Amino acid sequence: MTSAPEVVRQCKSCPWKVATVPDRDIPNGYSVRLHESLRCSIRSGLDSLFGGPLRAMACHYSKPGKEFACAGWLHNQFGVGNNIGVRLAIATRKLPVPKVDGDQHESFEDTLPKKPKKTRRKTV
């Protein structure tokens, strides 16, 4: 008999949660530049198998050298993200099963802080 797969639980300030405002809620010096650099961890379909090594988004509570995958990222890539590499890694217990809490963003772009809309002044 095999043991149950490891589970990773989503932290309360995960950027994949709709309720999280990254530049307000993420601790330890949030950086938009670093957040945007995680775009390379988003893959889907067959691209996830043939686009180089699997890159995972680590939880922002991970310690350097002891990083673990973000539950929100895993949930997205396993589900709507359709990352076949992640699905295989979870099925073979190389990555943990994600347990999320609340409504989740459907795309990486949605996890980034919202930029204020520019308004035009009317000239009279």
PDB file of N, CA and C in Angstrom:
ATOM      1  N   MET A   1       0.849  -1.177   0.000  1.00  0.00           N
ATOM      2  CA  MET A   1       0.000   0.000   0.000  1.00  0.00           C
ATOM      3  C   MET A   1       0.895   1.240   0.000  1.00  0.00           C
ATOM      4  N   THR A   2       0.534   2.236  -0.798  1.00  0.00           N
ATOM      5  CA  THR A   2       1.326   3.461  -0.858  1.00  0.00           C
ATOM      6  C   THR A   2       0.793   4.480   0.128  1.00  0.00           C
ATOM      7  N   SER A   3       1.670   5.384   0.558  1.00  0.00           N
ATOM      8  CA  SER A   3       1.243   6.418   1.494  1.00  0.00           C
ATOM      9  C   SER A   3       0.537   7.544   0.751  1.00  0.00           C
ATOM     10  N   ALA A   4      -0.234   8.317   1.475  1.00  0.00           N
ATOM     11  CA  ALA A   4      -0.943   9.452   0.880  1.00  0.00           C
ATOM     12  C   ALA A   4       0.065  10.492   0.416  1.00  0.00           C
ATOM     13  N   PRO A   5      -0.235  11.190  -0.675  1.00  0.00           N
ATOM     14  CA  PRO A   5       0.698  12.213  -1.157  1.00  0.00           C
ATOM     15  C   PRO A   5       0.822  13.365  -0.167  1.00  0.00           C
ATOM     16  N   GLU A   6       1.987  13.991  -0.172  1.00  0.00           N
ATOM     17  CA  GLU A   6       2.230  15.163   0.661  1.00  0.00           C
ATOM     18  C   GLU A   6       1.288  16.281   0.205  1.00  0.00           C
ATOM     19  N   VAL A   7       0.857  17.091   1.139  1.00  0.00           N
ATOM     20  CA  VAL A   7      -0.046  18.209   0.844  1.00  0.00           C
ATOM     21  C   VAL A   7       0.657  19.506   1.220  1.00  0.00           C
ATOM     22  N   VAL A   8       0.491  20.537   0.394  1.00  0.00           N
ATOM     23  CA  VAL A   8       0.983  21.871   0.741  1.00  0.00           C
ATOM     24  C   VAL A   8      -0.236  22.775   0.827  1.00  0.00           C
ATOM     25  N   ARG A   9      -0.350  23.485   1.945  1.00  0.00           N
ATOM     26  CA  ARG A   9      -1.512  24.348   2.177  1.00  0.00           C
ATOM     27  C   ARG A   9      -1.173  25.793   1.797  1.00  0.00           C
ATOM     28  N   GLN A  10      -2.145  26.448   1.242  1.00  0.00           N
ATOM     29  CA  GLN A  10      -1.977  27.828   0.802  1.00  0.00           C
ATOM     30  C   GLN A  10      -1.871  28.759   2.005  1.00  0.00           C
ATOM     31  N   CYS A  11      -0.915  29.669   1.953  1.00  0.00           N
ATOM     32  CA  CYS A  11      -0.765  30.639   3.044  1.00  0.00           C
ATOM     33  C   CYS A  11      -1.811  31.745   2.905  1.00  0.00           C
ATOM     34  N   LYS A  12      -2.028  32.486   3.971  1.00  0.00           N
ATOM     35  CA  LYS A  12      -3.113  33.474   3.950  1.00  0.00           C
ATOM     36  C   LYS A  12      -2.836  34.651   3.030  1.00  0.00           C
ATOM     37  N   SER A  13      -1.568  34.909   2.681  1.00  0.00           N
ATOM     38  CA  SER A  13      -1.258  36.051   1.812  1.00  0.00           C
ATOM     39  C   SER A  13      -0.767  35.619   0.428  1.00  0.00           C
ATOM     40  N   CYS A  14      -1.188  34.456  -0.022  1.00  0.00           N
ATOM     41  CA  CYS A  14      -0.781  33.940  -1.331  1.00  0.00           C
ATOM     42  C   CYS A  14      -1.278  34.865  -2.450  1.00  0.00           C
ATOM     43  N   PRO A  15      -0.416  35.234  -3.400  1.00  0.00           N
ATOM     44  CA  PRO A  15      -0.851  36.114  -4.486  1.00  0.00           C
ATOM     45  C   PRO A  15      -1.865  35.466  -5.424  1.00  0.00           C
ATOM     46  N   TRP A  16      -2.030  34.145  -5.362  1.00  0.00           N
ATOM     47  CA  TRP A  16      -3.022  33.480  -6.218  1.00  0.00           C
ATOM     48  C   TRP A  16      -4.434  33.615  -5.660  1.00  0.00           C
ATOM     49  N   LYS A  17      -4.573  34.056  -4.406  1.00  0.00           N
ATOM     50  CA  LYS A  17      -5.894  34.300  -3.821  1.00  0.00           C
ATOM     51  C   LYS A  17      -6.434  35.622  -4.359  1.00  0.00           C
ATOM     52  N   VAL A  18      -7.676  35.618  -4.765  1.00  0.00           N
ATOM     53  CA  VAL A  18      -8.302  36.831  -5.270  1.00  0.00           C
ATOM     54  C   VAL A  18      -8.288  37.931  -4.203  1.00  0.00           C
ATOM     55  N   ALA A  19      -8.433  37.561  -2.947  1.00  0.00           N
ATOM     56  CA  ALA A  19      -8.510  38.545  -1.863  1.00  0.00           C
ATOM     57  C   ALA A  19      -7.162  39.191  -1.516  1.00  0.00           C
ATOM     58  N   THR A  20      -6.060  38.643  -1.994  1.00  0.00           N
ATOM     59  CA  THR A  20      -4.741  39.177  -1.655  1.00  0.00           C
ATOM     60  C   THR A  20      -4.385  40.371  -2.538  1.00  0.00           C
ATOM     61  N   VAL A  21      -3.861  41.408  -1.905  1.00  0.00           N
ATOM     62  CA  VAL A  21      -3.308  42.561  -2.615  1.00  0.00           C
ATOM     63  C   VAL A  21      -1.792  42.440  -2.426  1.00  0.00           C
ATOM     64  N   PRO A  22      -1.072  41.936  -3.450  1.00  0.00           N
ATOM     65  CA  PRO A  22       0.333  41.594  -3.273  1.00  0.00           C
ATOM     66  C   PRO A  22       1.203  42.680  -2.654  1.00  0.00           C
ATOM     67  N   ASP A  23       1.132  43.902  -3.167  1.00  0.00           N
ATOM     68  CA  ASP A  23       2.026  44.936  -2.659  1.00  0.00           C
ATOM     69  C   ASP A  23       1.623  45.439  -1.276  1.00  0.00           C
ATOM     70  N   ARG A  24       0.515  44.945  -0.735  1.00  0.00           N
ATOM     71  CA  ARG A  24       0.105  45.280   0.625  1.00  0.00           C
ATOM     72  C   ARG A  24       0.224  44.077   1.555  1.00  0.00           C
ATOM     73  N   ASP A  25      -0.138  42.884   1.079  1.00  0.00           N
ATOM     74  CA  ASP A  25      -0.289  41.725   1.949  1.00  0.00           C
ATOM     75  C   ASP A  25       0.922  40.802   2.031  1.00  0.00           C
ATOM     76  N   ILE A  26       1.779  40.799   1.007  1.00  0.00           N
ATOM     77  CA  ILE A  26       2.913  39.868   1.007  1.00  0.00           C
ATOM     78  C   ILE A  26       4.037  40.437   1.867  1.00  0.00           C
ATOM     79  N   PRO A  27       4.501  39.674   2.843  1.00  0.00           N
ATOM     80  CA  PRO A  27       5.501  40.165   3.793  1.00  0.00           C
ATOM     81  C   PRO A  27       6.929  40.155   3.236  1.00  0.00           C
ATOM     82  N   ASN A  28       7.821  40.738   4.010  1.00  0.00           N
ATOM     83  CA  ASN A  28       9.269  40.699   3.768  1.00  0.00           C
ATOM     84  C   ASN A  28       9.726  41.424   2.503  1.00  0.00           C
ATOM     85  N   GLY A  29       9.180  42.588   2.248  1.00  0.00           N
ATOM     86  CA  GLY A  29       9.669  43.398   1.143  1.00  0.00           C
ATOM     87  C   GLY A  29       9.221  42.934  -0.226  1.00  0.00           C
ATOM     88  N   TYR A  30       7.946  42.997  -0.506  1.00  0.00           N
ATOM     89  CA  TYR A  30       7.403  42.597  -1.801  1.00  0.00           C
ATOM     90  C   TYR A  30       8.067  43.382  -2.929  1.00  0.00           C
ATOM     91  N   SER A  31       8.349  42.674  -4.044  1.00  0.00           N
ATOM     92  CA  SER A  31       8.964  43.291  -5.215  1.00  0.00           C
ATOM     93  C   SER A  31       8.168  42.927  -6.467  1.00  0.00           C
ATOM     94  N   VAL A  32       7.625  43.930  -7.155  1.00  0.00           N
ATOM     95  CA  VAL A  32       6.897  43.691  -8.396  1.00  0.00           C
ATOM     96  C   VAL A  32       7.832  43.066  -9.420  1.00  0.00           C
ATOM     97  N   ARG A  33       9.079  43.531  -9.482  1.00  0.00           N
ATOM     98  CA  ARG A  33      10.052  43.010 -10.448  1.00  0.00           C
ATOM     99  C   ARG A  33      10.291  41.520 -10.228  1.00  0.00           C
ATOM    100  N   LEU A  34      10.485  41.105  -8.989  1.00  0.00           N
ATOM    101  CA  LEU A  34      10.682  39.679  -8.708  1.00  0.00           C
ATOM    102  C   LEU A  34       9.420  38.879  -9.012  1.00  0.00           C
ATOM    103  N   HIS A  35       8.274  39.444  -8.670  1.00  0.00           N
ATOM    104  CA  HIS A  35       6.997  38.774  -8.949  1.00  0.00           C
ATOM    105  C   HIS A  35       6.845  38.560 -10.453  1.00  0.00           C
ATOM    106  N   GLU A  36       7.099  39.606 -11.241  1.00  0.00           N
ATOM    107  CA  GLU A  36       6.988  39.489 -12.698  1.00  0.00           C
ATOM    108  C   GLU A  36       7.975  38.477 -13.276  1.00  0.00           C
ATOM    109  N   SER A  37       9.132  38.319 -12.623  1.00  0.00           N
ATOM    110  CA  SER A  37      10.131  37.364 -13.121  1.00  0.00           C
ATOM    111  C   SER A  37       9.664  35.918 -12.986  1.00  0.00           C
ATOM    112  N   LEU A  38       8.628  35.671 -12.211  1.00  0.00           N
ATOM    113  CA  LEU A  38       8.089  34.319 -12.042  1.00  0.00           C
ATOM    114  C   LEU A  38       7.228  33.884 -13.224  1.00  0.00           C
ATOM    115  N   ARG A  39       7.042  34.787 -14.173  1.00  0.00           N
ATOM    116  CA  ARG A  39       6.279  34.478 -15.381  1.00  0.00           C
ATOM    117  C   ARG A  39       6.834  33.227 -16.074  1.00  0.00           C
ATOM    118  N   CYS A  40       8.144  33.001 -15.952  1.00  0.00           N
ATOM    119  CA  CYS A  40       8.781  31.835 -16.591  1.00  0.00           C
ATOM    120  C   CYS A  40       8.307  30.512 -15.991  1.00  0.00           C
ATOM    121  N   SER A  41       7.636  30.550 -14.843  1.00  0.00           N
ATOM    122  CA  SER A  41       7.145  29.309 -14.217  1.00  0.00           C
ATOM    123  C   SER A  41       5.773  28.899 -14.758  1.00  0.00           C
ATOM    124  N   ILE A  42       5.191  29.722 -15.614  1.00  0.00           N
ATOM    125  CA  ILE A  42       3.860  29.438 -16.145  1.00  0.00           C
ATOM    126  C   ILE A  42       3.988  28.743 -17.490  1.00  0.00           C
ATOM    127  N   ARG A  43       3.489  27.539 -17.558  1.00  0.00           N
ATOM    128  CA  ARG A  43       3.495  26.747 -18.797  1.00  0.00           C
ATOM    129  C   ARG A  43       2.157  26.042 -18.920  1.00  0.00           C
ATOM    130  N   SER A  44       1.831  25.603 -20.136  1.00  0.00           N
ATOM    131  CA  SER A  44       0.596  24.842 -20.302  1.00  0.00           C
ATOM    132  C   SER A  44       0.740  23.824 -21.418  1.00  0.00           C
ATOM    133  N   GLY A  45      -0.125  22.815 -21.362  1.00  0.00           N
ATOM    134  CA  GLY A  45      -0.163  21.792 -22.397  1.00  0.00           C
ATOM    135  C   GLY A  45       1.185  21.146 -22.635  1.00  0.00           C
ATOM    136  N   LEU A  46       1.455  20.819 -23.888  1.00  0.00           N
ATOM    137  CA  LEU A  46       2.709  20.140 -24.237  1.00  0.00           C
ATOM    138  C   LEU A  46       3.926  21.028 -24.033  1.00  0.00           C
ATOM    139  N   ASP A  47       3.751  22.366 -24.064  1.00  0.00           N
ATOM    140  CA  ASP A  47       4.876  23.268 -23.786  1.00  0.00           C
ATOM    141  C   ASP A  47       5.481  22.984 -22.417  1.00  0.00           C
ATOM    142  N   SER A  48       4.661  22.498 -21.494  1.00  0.00           N
ATOM    143  CA  SER A  48       5.155  22.215 -20.150  1.00  0.00           C
ATOM    144  C   SER A  48       6.067  20.993 -20.117  1.00  0.00           C
ATOM    145  N   LEU A  49       6.002  20.170 -21.143  1.00  0.00           N
ATOM    146  CA  LEU A  49       6.850  18.973 -21.198  1.00  0.00           C
ATOM    147  C   LEU A  49       8.140  19.206 -21.980  1.00  0.00           C
ATOM    148  N   PHE A  50       8.087  20.089 -22.970  1.00  0.00           N
ATOM    149  CA  PHE A  50       9.222  20.239 -23.878  1.00  0.00           C
ATOM    150  C   PHE A  50       9.871  21.609 -23.831  1.00  0.00           C
ATOM    151  N   GLY A  51       9.503  22.439 -22.886  1.00  0.00           N
ATOM    152  CA  GLY A  51      10.036  23.800 -22.823  1.00  0.00           C
ATOM    153  C   GLY A  51      11.178  23.961 -21.846  1.00  0.00           C
ATOM    154  N   GLY A  52      11.919  22.925 -21.574  1.00  0.00           N
ATOM    155  CA  GLY A  52      13.019  23.010 -20.611  1.00  0.00           C
ATOM    156  C   GLY A  52      12.602  22.462 -19.262  1.00  0.00           C
ATOM    157  N   PRO A  53      13.441  22.677 -18.246  1.00  0.00           N
ATOM    158  CA  PRO A  53      13.139  22.111 -16.924  1.00  0.00           C
ATOM    159  C   PRO A  53      11.894  22.742 -16.301  1.00  0.00           C
ATOM    160  N   LEU A  54      11.246  21.987 -15.436  1.00  0.00           N
ATOM    161  CA  LEU A  54      10.082  22.479 -14.713  1.00  0.00           C
ATOM    162  C   LEU A  54      10.541  23.564 -13.748  1.00  0.00           C
ATOM    163  N   ARG A  55       9.960  24.718 -13.873  1.00  0.00           N
ATOM    164  CA  ARG A  55      10.258  25.829 -12.963  1.00  0.00           C
ATOM    165  C   ARG A  55       9.023  26.048 -12.105  1.00  0.00           C
ATOM    166  N   ALA A  56       9.222  26.072 -10.806  1.00  0.00           N
ATOM    167  CA  ALA A  56       8.108  26.242  -9.885  1.00  0.00           C
ATOM    168  C   ALA A  56       8.193  27.595  -9.196  1.00  0.00           C
ATOM    169  N   MET A  57       7.042  28.115  -8.842  1.00  0.00           N
ATOM    170  CA  MET A  57       6.964  29.331  -8.044  1.00  0.00           C
ATOM    171  C   MET A  57       7.017  28.901  -6.585  1.00  0.00           C
ATOM    172  N   ALA A  58       8.017  29.375  -5.855  1.00  0.00           N
ATOM    173  CA  ALA A  58       8.146  29.016  -4.442  1.00  0.00           C
ATOM    174  C   ALA A  58       7.234  29.896  -3.592  1.00  0.00           C
ATOM    175  N   CYS A  59       6.785  29.343  -2.492  1.00  0.00           N
ATOM    176  CA  CYS A  59       5.999  30.113  -1.528  1.00  0.00           C
ATOM    177  C   CYS A  59       6.884  31.222  -0.957  1.00  0.00           C
ATOM    178  N   HIS A  60       6.317  32.409  -0.757  1.00  0.00           N
ATOM    179  CA  HIS A  60       7.114  33.516  -0.230  1.00  0.00           C
ATOM    180  C   HIS A  60       7.481  33.312   1.242  1.00  0.00           C
ATOM    181  N   TYR A  61       6.964  32.279   1.891  1.00  0.00           N
ATOM    182  CA  TYR A  61       7.388  31.935   3.242  1.00  0.00           C
ATOM    183  C   TYR A  61       8.518  30.899   3.240  1.00  0.00           C
ATOM    184  N   SER A  62       8.938  30.446   2.058  1.00  0.00           N
ATOM    185  CA  SER A  62      10.061  29.510   1.949  1.00  0.00           C
ATOM    186  C   SER A  62      11.346  30.188   2.412  1.00  0.00           C
ATOM    187  N   LYS A  63      12.243  29.410   2.934  1.00  0.00           N
ATOM    188  CA  LYS A  63      13.566  29.902   3.331  1.00  0.00           C
ATOM    189  C   LYS A  63      14.551  29.589   2.210  1.00  0.00           C
ATOM    190  N   PRO A  64      15.520  30.466   1.959  1.00  0.00           N
ATOM    191  CA  PRO A  64      16.531  30.190   0.927  1.00  0.00           C
ATOM    192  C   PRO A  64      17.203  28.835   1.164  1.00  0.00           C
ATOM    193  N   GLY A  65      17.239  28.036   0.109  1.00  0.00           N
ATOM    194  CA  GLY A  65      17.809  26.697   0.197  1.00  0.00           C
ATOM    195  C   GLY A  65      16.818  25.641   0.644  1.00  0.00           C
ATOM    196  N   LYS A  66      15.667  26.071   1.160  1.00  0.00           N
ATOM    197  CA  LYS A  66      14.623  25.139   1.605  1.00  0.00           C
ATOM    198  C   LYS A  66      13.278  25.545   1.011  1.00  0.00           C
ATOM    199  N   GLU A  67      13.307  25.950  -0.262  1.00  0.00           N
ATOM    200  CA  GLU A  67      12.102  26.408  -0.936  1.00  0.00           C
ATOM    201  C   GLU A  67      11.109  25.267  -1.118  1.00  0.00           C
ATOM    202  N   PHE A  68       9.835  25.619  -1.042  1.00  0.00           N
ATOM    203  CA  PHE A  68       8.780  24.664  -1.350  1.00  0.00           C
ATOM    204  C   PHE A  68       7.773  25.361  -2.257  1.00  0.00           C
ATOM    205  N   ALA A  69       7.074  24.575  -3.053  1.00  0.00           N
ATOM    206  CA  ALA A  69       6.172  25.125  -4.069  1.00  0.00           C
ATOM    207  C   ALA A  69       4.991  25.857  -3.440  1.00  0.00           C
ATOM    208  N   CYS A  70       4.604  26.933  -4.096  1.00  0.00           N
ATOM    209  CA  CYS A  70       3.435  27.726  -3.711  1.00  0.00           C
ATOM    210  C   CYS A  70       2.171  26.919  -4.020  1.00  0.00           C
ATOM    211  N   ALA A  71       1.299  26.767  -3.024  1.00  0.00           N
ATOM    212  CA  ALA A  71       0.063  26.002  -3.214  1.00  0.00           C
ATOM    213  C   ALA A  71      -0.839  26.637  -4.270  1.00  0.00           C
ATOM    214  N   GLY A  72      -0.908  27.957  -4.307  1.00  0.00           N
ATOM    215  CA  GLY A  72      -1.729  28.637  -5.303  1.00  0.00           C
ATOM    216  C   GLY A  72      -1.217  28.407  -6.714  1.00  0.00           C
ATOM    217  N   TRP A  73       0.100  28.470  -6.883  1.00  0.00           N
ATOM    218  CA  TRP A  73       0.715  28.206  -8.192  1.00  0.00           C
ATOM    219  C   TRP A  73       0.455  26.758  -8.608  1.00  0.00           C
ATOM    220  N   LEU A  74       0.665  25.818  -7.688  1.00  0.00           N
ATOM    221  CA  LEU A  74       0.412  24.407  -7.992  1.00  0.00           C
ATOM    222  C   LEU A  74      -1.045  24.195  -8.407  1.00  0.00           C
ATOM    223  N   HIS A  75      -1.953  24.794  -7.663  1.00  0.00           N
ATOM    224  CA  HIS A  75      -3.382  24.660  -7.960  1.00  0.00           C
ATOM    225  C   HIS A  75      -3.683  25.179  -9.368  1.00  0.00           C
ATOM    226  N   ASN A  76      -3.127  26.333  -9.709  1.00  0.00           N
ATOM    227  CA  ASN A  76      -3.354  26.903 -11.039  1.00  0.00           C
ATOM    228  C   ASN A  76      -2.764  26.029 -12.128  1.00  0.00           C
ATOM    229  N   GLN A  77      -1.523  25.631 -11.971  1.00  0.00           N
ATOM    230  CA  GLN A  77      -0.841  24.874 -13.017  1.00  0.00           C
ATOM    231  C   GLN A  77      -1.409  23.456 -13.154  1.00  0.00           C
ATOM    232  N   PHE A  78      -1.896  22.884 -12.062  1.00  0.00           N
ATOM    233  CA  PHE A  78      -2.516  21.563 -12.090  1.00  0.00           C
ATOM    234  C   PHE A  78      -3.901  21.632 -12.726  1.00  0.00           C
ATOM    235  N   GLY A  79      -4.580  22.766 -12.524  1.00  0.00           N
ATOM    236  CA  GLY A  79      -5.955  22.926 -13.002  1.00  0.00           C
ATOM    237  C   GLY A  79      -6.039  23.725 -14.283  1.00  0.00           C
ATOM    238  N   VAL A  80      -6.557  24.955 -14.190  1.00  0.00           N
ATOM    239  CA  VAL A  80      -6.806  25.766 -15.382  1.00  0.00           C
ATOM    240  C   VAL A  80      -5.550  26.057 -16.192  1.00  0.00           C
ATOM    241  N   GLY A  81      -4.385  26.046 -15.544  1.00  0.00           N
ATOM    242  CA  GLY A  81      -3.131  26.282 -16.259  1.00  0.00           C
ATOM    243  C   GLY A  81      -2.747  25.131 -17.174  1.00  0.00           C
ATOM    244  N   ASN A  82      -3.297  23.953 -16.918  1.00  0.00           N
ATOM    245  CA  ASN A  82      -3.079  22.762 -17.751  1.00  0.00           C
ATOM    246  C   ASN A  82      -1.601  22.451 -17.972  1.00  0.00           C
ATOM    247  N   ASN A  83      -0.801  22.531 -16.904  1.00  0.00           N
ATOM    248  CA  ASN A  83       0.619  22.219 -16.988  1.00  0.00           C
ATOM    249  C   ASN A  83       0.784  20.708 -16.813  1.00  0.00           C
ATOM    250  N   ILE A  84       0.998  20.022 -17.914  1.00  0.00           N
ATOM    251  CA  ILE A  84       1.078  18.557 -17.885  1.00  0.00           C
ATOM    252  C   ILE A  84       2.275  18.093 -17.052  1.00  0.00           C
ATOM    253  N   GLY A  85       3.374  18.831 -17.121  1.00  0.00           N
ATOM    254  CA  GLY A  85       4.543  18.500 -16.301  1.00  0.00           C
ATOM    255  C   GLY A  85       4.219  18.526 -14.815  1.00  0.00           C
ATOM    256  N   VAL A  86       3.469  19.525 -14.366  1.00  0.00           N
ATOM    257  CA  VAL A  86       3.053  19.610 -12.960  1.00  0.00           C
ATOM    258  C   VAL A  86       2.096  18.473 -12.627  1.00  0.00           C
ATOM    259  N   ARG A  87       1.167  18.184 -13.536  1.00  0.00           N
ATOM    260  CA  ARG A  87       0.235  17.079 -13.286  1.00  0.00           C
ATOM    261  C   ARG A  87       0.976  15.760 -13.098  1.00  0.00           C
ATOM    262  N   LEU A  88       1.977  15.506 -13.948  1.00  0.00           N
ATOM    263  CA  LEU A  88       2.770  14.278 -13.819  1.00  0.00           C
ATOM    264  C   LEU A  88       3.578  14.277 -12.520  1.00  0.00           C
ATOM    265  N   ALA A  89       4.147  15.429 -12.162  1.00  0.00           N
ATOM    266  CA  ALA A  89       4.947  15.517 -10.936  1.00  0.00           C
ATOM    267  C   ALA A  89       4.086  15.283  -9.695  1.00  0.00           C
ATOM    268  N   ILE A  90       2.852  15.777  -9.695  1.00  0.00           N
ATOM    269  CA  ILE A  90       1.953  15.524  -8.561  1.00  0.00           C
ATOM    270  C   ILE A  90       1.531  14.056  -8.543  1.00  0.00           C
ATOM    271  N   ALA A  91       1.221  13.506  -9.713  1.00  0.00           N
ATOM    272  CA  ALA A  91       0.791  12.103  -9.795  1.00  0.00           C
ATOM    273  C   ALA A  91       1.885  11.148  -9.335  1.00  0.00           C
ATOM    274  N   THR A  92       3.152  11.492  -9.586  1.00  0.00           N
ATOM    275  CA  THR A  92       4.271  10.636  -9.193  1.00  0.00           C
ATOM    276  C   THR A  92       4.891  11.068  -7.860  1.00  0.00           C
ATOM    277  N   ARG A  93       4.205  11.982  -7.179  1.00  0.00           N
ATOM    278  CA  ARG A  93       4.591  12.453  -5.845  1.00  0.00           C
ATOM    279  C   ARG A  93       5.933  13.166  -5.795  1.00  0.00           C
ATOM    280  N   LYS A  94       6.290  13.795  -6.908  1.00  0.00           N
ATOM    281  CA  LYS A  94       7.498  14.627  -6.927  1.00  0.00           C
ATOM    282  C   LYS A  94       7.162  16.046  -6.492  1.00  0.00           C
ATOM    283  N   LEU A  95       5.892  16.411  -6.588  1.00  0.00           N
ATOM    284  CA  LEU A  95       5.377  17.673  -6.070  1.00  0.00           C
ATOM    285  C   LEU A  95       4.176  17.352  -5.184  1.00  0.00           C
ATOM    286  N   PRO A  96       3.935  18.184  -4.159  1.00  0.00           N
ATOM    287  CA  PRO A  96       2.805  17.921  -3.268  1.00  0.00           C
ATOM    288  C   PRO A  96       1.463  18.304  -3.880  1.00  0.00           C
ATOM    289  N   VAL A  97       0.414  17.781  -3.309  1.00  0.00           N
ATOM    290  CA  VAL A  97      -0.951  18.114  -3.706  1.00  0.00           C
ATOM    291  C   VAL A  97      -1.296  19.465  -3.064  1.00  0.00           C
ATOM    292  N   PRO A  98      -1.802  20.431  -3.868  1.00  0.00           N
ATOM    293  CA  PRO A  98      -2.128  21.731  -3.280  1.00  0.00           C
ATOM    294  C   PRO A  98      -3.489  21.743  -2.597  1.00  0.00           C
ATOM    295  N   LYS A  99      -3.567  22.439  -1.483  1.00  0.00           N
ATOM    296  CA  LYS A  99      -4.828  22.660  -0.763  1.00  0.00           C
ATOM    297  C   LYS A  99      -4.991  24.169  -0.675  1.00  0.00           C
ATOM    298  N   VAL A 100      -5.980  24.707  -1.414  1.00  0.00           N
ATOM    299  CA  VAL A 100      -6.161  26.160  -1.443  1.00  0.00           C
ATOM    300  C   VAL A 100      -7.360  26.586  -0.618  1.00  0.00           C
ATOM    301  N   ASP A 101      -7.421  27.890  -0.351  1.00  0.00           N
ATOM    302  CA  ASP A 101      -8.434  28.454   0.521  1.00  0.00           C
ATOM    303  C   ASP A 101      -9.034  29.690  -0.147  1.00  0.00           C
ATOM    304  N   GLY A 102     -10.281  29.607  -0.589  1.00  0.00           N
ATOM    305  CA  GLY A 102     -10.953  30.766  -1.169  1.00  0.00           C
ATOM    306  C   GLY A 102     -10.849  30.826  -2.683  1.00  0.00           C
ATOM    307  N   ASP A 103     -11.372  31.911  -3.241  1.00  0.00           N
ATOM    308  CA  ASP A 103     -11.356  32.115  -4.687  1.00  0.00           C
ATOM    309  C   ASP A 103      -9.929  32.354  -5.159  1.00  0.00           C
ATOM    310  N   GLN A 104      -9.609  31.790  -6.331  1.00  0.00           N
ATOM    311  CA  GLN A 104      -8.257  31.847  -6.882  1.00  0.00           C
ATOM    312  C   GLN A 104      -8.253  32.579  -8.224  1.00  0.00           C
ATOM    313  N   HIS A 105      -7.124  33.229  -8.526  1.00  0.00           N
ATOM    314  CA  HIS A 105      -6.957  33.855  -9.839  1.00  0.00           C
ATOM    315  C   HIS A 105      -6.806  32.764 -10.895  1.00  0.00           C
ATOM    316  N   GLU A 106      -7.256  33.053 -12.107  1.00  0.00           N
ATOM    317  CA  GLU A 106      -7.134  32.093 -13.201  1.00  0.00           C
ATOM    318  C   GLU A 106      -5.869  32.270 -14.009  1.00  0.00           C
ATOM    319  N   SER A 107      -5.206  33.423 -13.902  1.00  0.00           N
ATOM    320  CA  SER A 107      -3.998  33.644 -14.697  1.00  0.00           C
ATOM    321  C   SER A 107      -2.927  34.327 -13.866  1.00  0.00           C
ATOM    322  N   PHE A 108      -1.682  34.160 -14.296  1.00  0.00           N
ATOM    323  CA  PHE A 108      -0.564  34.801 -13.619  1.00  0.00           C
ATOM    324  C   PHE A 108      -0.729  36.320 -13.620  1.00  0.00           C
ATOM    325  N   GLU A 109      -1.162  36.884 -14.748  1.00  0.00           N
ATOM    326  CA  GLU A 109      -1.335  38.338 -14.857  1.00  0.00           C
ATOM    327  C   GLU A 109      -2.245  38.875 -13.755  1.00  0.00           C
ATOM    328  N   ASP A 110      -3.256  38.095 -13.399  1.00  0.00           N
ATOM    329  CA  ASP A 110      -4.195  38.526 -12.364  1.00  0.00           C
ATOM    330  C   ASP A 110      -3.565  38.558 -10.972  1.00  0.00           C
ATOM    331  N   THR A 111      -2.432  37.878 -10.777  1.00  0.00           N
ATOM    332  CA  THR A 111      -1.785  37.860  -9.462  1.00  0.00           C
ATOM    333  C   THR A 111      -0.955  39.113  -9.211  1.00  0.00           C
ATOM    334  N   LEU A 112      -0.637  39.845 -10.265  1.00  0.00           N
ATOM    335  CA  LEU A 112       0.174  41.059 -10.137  1.00  0.00           C
ATOM    336  C   LEU A 112      -0.666  42.207  -9.592  1.00  0.00           C
ATOM    337  N   PRO A 113      -0.023  43.164  -8.901  1.00  0.00           N
ATOM    338  CA  PRO A 113      -0.786  44.316  -8.389  1.00  0.00           C
ATOM    339  C   PRO A 113      -1.470  45.058  -9.531  1.00  0.00           C
ATOM    340  N   LYS A 114      -2.640  45.554  -9.247  1.00  0.00           N
ATOM    341  CA  LYS A 114      -3.390  46.305 -10.255  1.00  0.00           C
ATOM    342  C   LYS A 114      -2.748  47.679 -10.427  1.00  0.00           C
ATOM    343  N   LYS A 115      -2.522  48.043 -11.677  1.00  0.00           N
ATOM    344  CA  LYS A 115      -1.960  49.364 -11.969  1.00  0.00           C
ATOM    345  C   LYS A 115      -3.116  50.356 -12.026  1.00  0.00           C
ATOM    346  N   PRO A 116      -2.895  51.546 -11.467  1.00  0.00           N
ATOM    347  CA  PRO A 116      -3.982  52.533 -11.522  1.00  0.00           C
ATOM    348  C   PRO A 116      -4.299  52.909 -12.968  1.00  0.00           C
ATOM    349  N   LYS A 117      -5.568  53.059 -13.233  1.00  0.00           N
ATOM    350  CA  LYS A 117      -5.982  53.445 -14.582  1.00  0.00           C
ATOM    351  C   LYS A 117      -5.641  54.904 -14.811  1.00  0.00           C
ATOM    352  N   LYS A 118      -5.126  55.182 -15.997  1.00  0.00           N
ATOM    353  CA  LYS A 118      -4.824  56.564 -16.348  1.00  0.00           C
ATOM    354  C   LYS A 118      -6.119  57.239 -16.772  1.00  0.00           C
ATOM    355  N   THR A 119      -6.295  58.430 -16.306  1.00  0.00           N
ATOM    356  CA  THR A 119      -7.485  59.184 -16.696  1.00  0.00           C
ATOM    357  C   THR A 119      -7.054  60.355 -17.571  1.00  0.00           C
ATOM    358  N   ARG A 120      -7.879  60.646 -18.512  1.00  0.00           N
ATOM    359  CA  ARG A 120      -7.613  61.791 -19.384  1.00  0.00           C
ATOM    360  C   ARG A 120      -8.364  63.008 -18.857  1.00  0.00           C
ATOM    361  N   ARG A 121      -7.685  64.116 -18.941  1.00  0.00           N
ATOM    362  CA  ARG A 121      -8.351  65.367 -18.581  1.00  0.00           C
ATOM    363  C   ARG A 121      -9.012  65.927 -19.812  1.00  0.00           C
ATOM    364  N   LYS A 122     -10.175  66.411 -19.594  1.00  0.00           N
ATOM    365  CA  LYS A 122     -10.867  67.063 -20.704  1.00  0.00           C
ATOM    366  C   LYS A 122     -10.290  68.457 -20.872  1.00  0.00           C
ATOM    367  N   THR A 123     -10.013  68.784 -22.110  1.00  0.00           N
ATOM    368  CA  THR A 123      -9.559  70.137 -22.383  1.00  0.00           C
ATOM    369  C   THR A 123     -10.753  70.942 -22.869  1.00  0.00           C
ATOM    370  N   VAL A 124     -10.826  72.126 -22.375  1.00  0.00           N
ATOM    371  CA  VAL A 124     -11.969  72.961 -22.715  1.00  0.00           C
ATOM    372  C   VAL A 124     -11.551  74.094 -23.602  1.00  0.00           C
TER     373      VAL A 124
END
